[in-house]
Amino acid sequence: MIVRMAAKRMSRAPKPFDVEAFLASAGLSRRVTQLAAGTVVFAQGAAAHTVFYIQDGTVKLSVLSAAGKEAVVAMLGPGEFFGEGCLAGQTRRMGSATAITATTVLRIAKREMLRKLHEQHELSDFFIAHVLARNIRIEEDLVDQLFNSSEKRLARTLLLLARYGKHETAQRTLPKLSQETLAEMVGTTRSRVNYFMNKFRKLGFIEYNGGVKINNSLLSVVLHD
């Protein structure tokens, strides 16, 4: 009897919110766009009036200083939004977004996204959770830059790019990234990245097989004090 009651309660449990299915059926003013690797989605300083959702591929968010130095802020993958600053009153893009691999994105008009966030509580909850998770990751990146060695920062960056810990989206082979891009993300030089990548390969933490395959053992570098 207890087992039957528990099973009945489980059958009534709400299903996880399927954001892609919602975006496909919600009647939003949206457009699916296929981007080749290297395509600039939006440039720093451009007008901000669109939110983007990644269906497939990888997008780099970066900021260019007045002196012309680029800093990589984040690398985003499937299931992530970007460009959401326009919803909070941002009229100009604070940085640039560039497709690193062949990428498919949904473009959603700001006014439509705001309307649906007010009308659809499930979408609103999902979106808030996404923004909070992004803020937490940015804080962790800052702590990483302040207190950890470049070797540990590189290992953490590779694990994040592999979406380690997200079982439903884990990808063991990374999209093709130059060592210059990794150096920008980690905050070190290309020569240091090259040195540590060779070290990780010799220790069996990563493999080269047309791309960079990340093994679970790489986590030991991040956990080691």
Protein backbone atom coordinates (compact mmCIF):
# COMPACT_ATOMS: atom_id res chain seq x y z
CA MET A 1 0.00 0.00 0.00
CA ILE A 2 2.77 2.44 0.98
CA VAL A 3 4.71 1.52 -2.14
CA ARG A 4 1.65 2.15 -4.33
CA MET A 5 1.07 5.55 -2.66
CA ALA A 6 4.71 6.53 -3.15
CA ALA A 7 4.58 5.47 -6.80
CA LYS A 8 1.41 7.50 -7.27
CA ARG A 9 3.08 10.59 -5.78
CA MET A 10 6.11 10.07 -8.02
CA SER A 11 3.88 9.82 -11.08
CA ARG A 12 2.43 13.21 -10.17
CA ALA A 13 5.84 14.83 -9.75
CA PRO A 14 6.32 17.69 -12.18
CA LYS A 15 8.50 17.00 -15.19
CA PRO A 16 11.67 19.08 -15.64
CA PHE A 17 11.00 22.22 -17.64
CA ASP A 18 11.90 21.68 -21.30
CA VAL A 19 13.04 25.13 -22.38
CA GLU A 20 13.65 24.13 -25.99
CA ALA A 21 10.16 22.69 -26.38
CA PHE A 22 8.72 25.83 -24.80
CA LEU A 23 10.67 28.17 -27.06
CA ALA A 24 9.55 26.13 -30.08
CA SER A 25 5.85 26.33 -29.16
CA ALA A 26 5.44 29.64 -27.34
CA GLY A 27 4.85 31.78 -30.41
CA LEU A 28 7.89 33.96 -29.72
CA SER A 29 9.28 36.27 -32.34
CA ARG A 30 12.36 34.12 -32.77
CA ARG A 31 14.66 33.07 -35.56
CA VAL A 32 16.89 30.01 -35.82
CA THR A 33 20.30 31.02 -37.15
CA GLN A 34 23.12 28.75 -38.32
CA LEU A 35 26.54 30.26 -37.67
CA ALA A 36 29.88 29.19 -39.11
CA ALA A 37 32.91 29.03 -36.84
CA GLY A 38 34.37 32.50 -36.39
CA THR A 39 31.08 34.35 -36.96
CA VAL A 40 30.56 37.38 -34.72
CA VAL A 41 27.09 37.12 -33.18
CA PHE A 42 27.29 40.66 -31.83
CA ALA A 43 30.12 43.14 -31.35
CA GLN A 44 31.08 45.18 -28.31
CA GLY A 45 29.24 48.50 -28.39
CA ALA A 46 26.46 47.29 -30.71
CA ALA A 47 22.80 48.00 -29.90
CA ALA A 48 21.38 45.41 -27.46
CA HIS A 49 17.84 44.35 -28.27
CA THR A 50 17.98 40.55 -28.64
CA VAL A 51 18.43 37.53 -26.37
CA PHE A 52 20.13 34.40 -27.71
CA TYR A 53 19.73 30.72 -26.81
CA ILE A 54 22.31 28.15 -27.94
CA GLN A 55 20.86 24.97 -29.41
CA ASP A 56 24.16 23.54 -30.57
CA GLY A 57 27.79 24.63 -30.71
CA THR A 58 30.03 26.93 -28.67
CA VAL A 59 30.02 30.70 -28.22
CA LYS A 60 32.83 32.82 -26.77
CA LEU A 61 32.04 35.97 -24.80
CA SER A 62 34.91 38.44 -24.71
CA VAL A 63 35.72 42.04 -23.86
CA LEU A 64 38.21 44.30 -25.65
CA SER A 65 40.11 46.93 -23.65
CA ALA A 66 40.85 50.45 -24.91
CA ALA A 67 44.41 49.27 -25.53
CA GLY A 68 43.14 46.48 -27.78
CA LYS A 69 43.70 43.57 -25.41
CA GLU A 70 41.00 40.87 -25.46
CA ALA A 71 39.85 39.00 -22.35
CA VAL A 72 37.65 35.92 -22.64
CA VAL A 73 34.78 36.18 -20.16
CA ALA A 74 33.03 32.86 -20.80
CA MET A 75 32.64 29.93 -23.16
CA LEU A 76 29.00 28.88 -23.52
CA GLY A 77 27.42 25.72 -24.92
CA PRO A 78 24.04 24.15 -25.70
CA GLY A 79 21.21 25.05 -23.34
CA GLU A 80 22.62 28.44 -22.35
CA PHE A 81 21.31 31.96 -22.90
CA PHE A 82 23.46 34.99 -23.64
CA GLY A 83 22.87 38.63 -24.46
CA GLU A 84 20.36 38.84 -21.61
CA GLY A 85 21.80 42.14 -20.39
CA CYS A 86 19.33 43.93 -22.66
CA LEU A 87 16.51 42.71 -20.40
CA ALA A 88 17.99 44.71 -17.50
CA GLY A 89 18.26 47.99 -19.41
CA GLN A 90 21.59 47.46 -21.17
CA THR A 91 21.33 49.45 -24.41
CA ARG A 92 24.81 48.61 -25.76
CA ARG A 93 26.69 45.32 -25.67
CA MET A 94 29.36 45.28 -22.98
CA GLY A 95 31.38 42.73 -24.92
CA SER A 96 31.40 40.59 -28.06
CA ALA A 97 29.99 37.12 -28.75
CA THR A 98 31.67 34.88 -31.34
CA ALA A 99 30.84 31.36 -32.55
CA ILE A 100 33.85 29.13 -31.92
CA THR A 101 32.43 26.11 -33.76
CA ALA A 102 29.51 25.67 -36.15
CA THR A 103 26.69 26.90 -33.92
CA THR A 104 22.90 27.05 -33.97
CA VAL A 105 21.23 29.83 -31.96
CA LEU A 106 17.72 31.13 -31.42
CA ARG A 107 17.36 34.91 -31.61
CA ILE A 108 14.53 36.19 -29.41
CA ALA A 109 13.36 39.79 -29.49
CA LYS A 110 13.76 41.61 -26.17
CA ARG A 111 10.11 42.68 -25.94
CA GLU A 112 8.91 39.12 -26.62
CA MET A 113 11.27 37.61 -24.07
CA LEU A 114 10.17 40.09 -21.41
CA ARG A 115 6.50 39.37 -22.14
CA LYS A 116 6.96 35.61 -21.82
CA LEU A 117 9.00 35.94 -18.64
CA HIS A 118 6.09 37.82 -17.07
CA GLU A 119 3.47 35.40 -18.38
CA GLN A 120 5.18 32.03 -18.00
CA HIS A 121 6.32 31.23 -14.47
CA GLU A 122 8.18 28.06 -15.49
CA LEU A 123 10.24 29.95 -18.05
CA SER A 124 10.86 32.72 -15.52
CA ASP A 125 12.05 30.23 -12.88
CA PHE A 126 14.32 28.50 -15.39
CA PHE A 127 15.77 31.79 -16.59
CA ILE A 128 16.42 33.11 -13.06
CA ALA A 129 18.17 29.86 -12.17
CA HIS A 130 20.29 30.22 -15.31
CA VAL A 131 21.31 33.81 -14.47
CA LEU A 132 22.14 32.90 -10.86
CA ALA A 133 24.24 29.93 -11.98
CA ARG A 134 26.10 32.22 -14.39
CA ASN A 135 26.81 34.73 -11.60
CA ILE A 136 28.09 31.97 -9.32
CA ARG A 137 30.40 30.76 -12.07
CA ILE A 138 31.75 34.27 -12.65
CA GLU A 139 32.47 34.60 -8.91
CA GLU A 140 34.24 31.24 -8.96
CA ASP A 141 36.28 32.38 -11.99
CA LEU A 142 37.34 35.51 -10.08
CA VAL A 143 38.42 33.48 -7.05
CA ASP A 144 40.22 31.10 -9.41
CA GLN A 145 42.14 34.00 -10.99
CA LEU A 146 43.05 35.51 -7.62
CA PHE A 147 44.17 32.45 -5.69
CA ASN A 148 44.97 29.50 -7.95
CA SER A 149 47.99 28.67 -10.08
CA SER A 150 47.81 28.87 -13.86
CA GLU A 151 48.04 25.06 -14.00
CA LYS A 152 44.97 24.65 -11.80
CA ARG A 153 43.12 27.40 -13.67
CA LEU A 154 43.77 25.66 -16.98
CA ALA A 155 42.55 22.31 -15.62
CA ARG A 156 39.36 23.94 -14.30
CA THR A 157 38.78 25.70 -17.63
CA LEU A 158 39.11 22.43 -19.55
CA LEU A 159 36.66 20.70 -17.21
CA LEU A 160 34.16 23.54 -17.60
CA LEU A 161 34.47 23.40 -21.37
CA ALA A 162 33.79 19.66 -21.17
CA ARG A 163 30.70 20.52 -19.07
CA TYR A 164 31.99 18.24 -16.32
CA GLY A 165 29.29 17.36 -13.79
CA LYS A 166 26.43 17.98 -16.22
CA HIS A 167 25.75 14.35 -17.10
CA GLU A 168 23.06 15.06 -19.63
CA THR A 169 25.30 17.37 -21.66
CA ALA A 170 28.80 16.12 -20.87
CA GLN A 171 31.13 16.13 -23.85
CA ARG A 172 34.50 14.52 -23.41
CA THR A 173 36.02 15.92 -26.60
CA LEU A 174 36.27 19.70 -26.65
CA PRO A 175 35.53 21.96 -29.58
CA LYS A 176 38.67 23.06 -31.38
CA LEU A 177 40.22 25.94 -29.45
CA SER A 178 43.53 27.62 -30.07
CA GLN A 179 46.06 27.76 -27.25
CA GLU A 180 45.88 31.55 -27.58
CA THR A 181 42.17 31.42 -26.68
CA LEU A 182 42.85 29.11 -23.73
CA ALA A 183 45.58 31.49 -22.56
CA GLU A 184 43.12 34.40 -22.68
CA MET A 185 40.59 32.43 -20.65
CA VAL A 186 43.13 31.30 -18.06
CA GLY A 187 44.99 34.60 -17.81
CA THR A 188 48.43 33.31 -18.73
CA THR A 189 50.71 32.99 -21.75
CA ARG A 190 50.41 30.62 -24.70
CA SER A 191 53.76 29.03 -23.81
CA ARG A 192 52.49 28.17 -20.31
CA VAL A 193 49.32 26.67 -21.75
CA ASN A 194 51.41 24.59 -24.17
CA TYR A 195 53.63 23.39 -21.31
CA PHE A 196 50.71 22.31 -19.10
CA MET A 197 48.76 20.72 -21.98
CA ASN A 198 51.81 18.55 -22.76
CA LYS A 199 52.12 17.72 -19.06
CA PHE A 200 48.42 16.76 -18.81
CA ARG A 201 48.77 14.55 -21.91
CA LYS A 202 51.83 12.73 -20.53
CA LEU A 203 50.00 12.10 -17.24
CA GLY A 204 46.96 10.72 -19.08
CA PHE A 205 44.64 13.54 -17.98
CA ILE A 206 43.87 14.49 -21.59
CA GLU A 207 44.20 12.83 -24.99
CA TYR A 208 44.55 14.16 -28.51
CA ASN A 209 42.28 12.37 -30.99
CA GLY A 210 41.39 15.02 -33.55
CA GLY A 211 40.34 17.18 -30.62
CA VAL A 212 41.15 17.31 -26.93
CA LYS A 213 39.54 14.49 -24.96
CA ILE A 214 39.16 15.23 -21.25
CA ASN A 215 39.52 12.35 -18.80
CA ASN A 216 38.01 12.37 -15.31
CA SER A 217 41.49 12.15 -13.80
CA LEU A 218 42.06 15.82 -14.73
CA LEU A 219 39.89 16.69 -11.74
CA SER A 220 42.78 15.68 -9.47
CA VAL A 221 44.70 18.80 -10.59
CA VAL A 222 41.84 21.05 -9.42
CA LEU A 223 41.40 19.21 -6.11
CA HIS A 224 45.12 19.04 -5.30
CA ASP A 225 46.33 21.68 -2.80
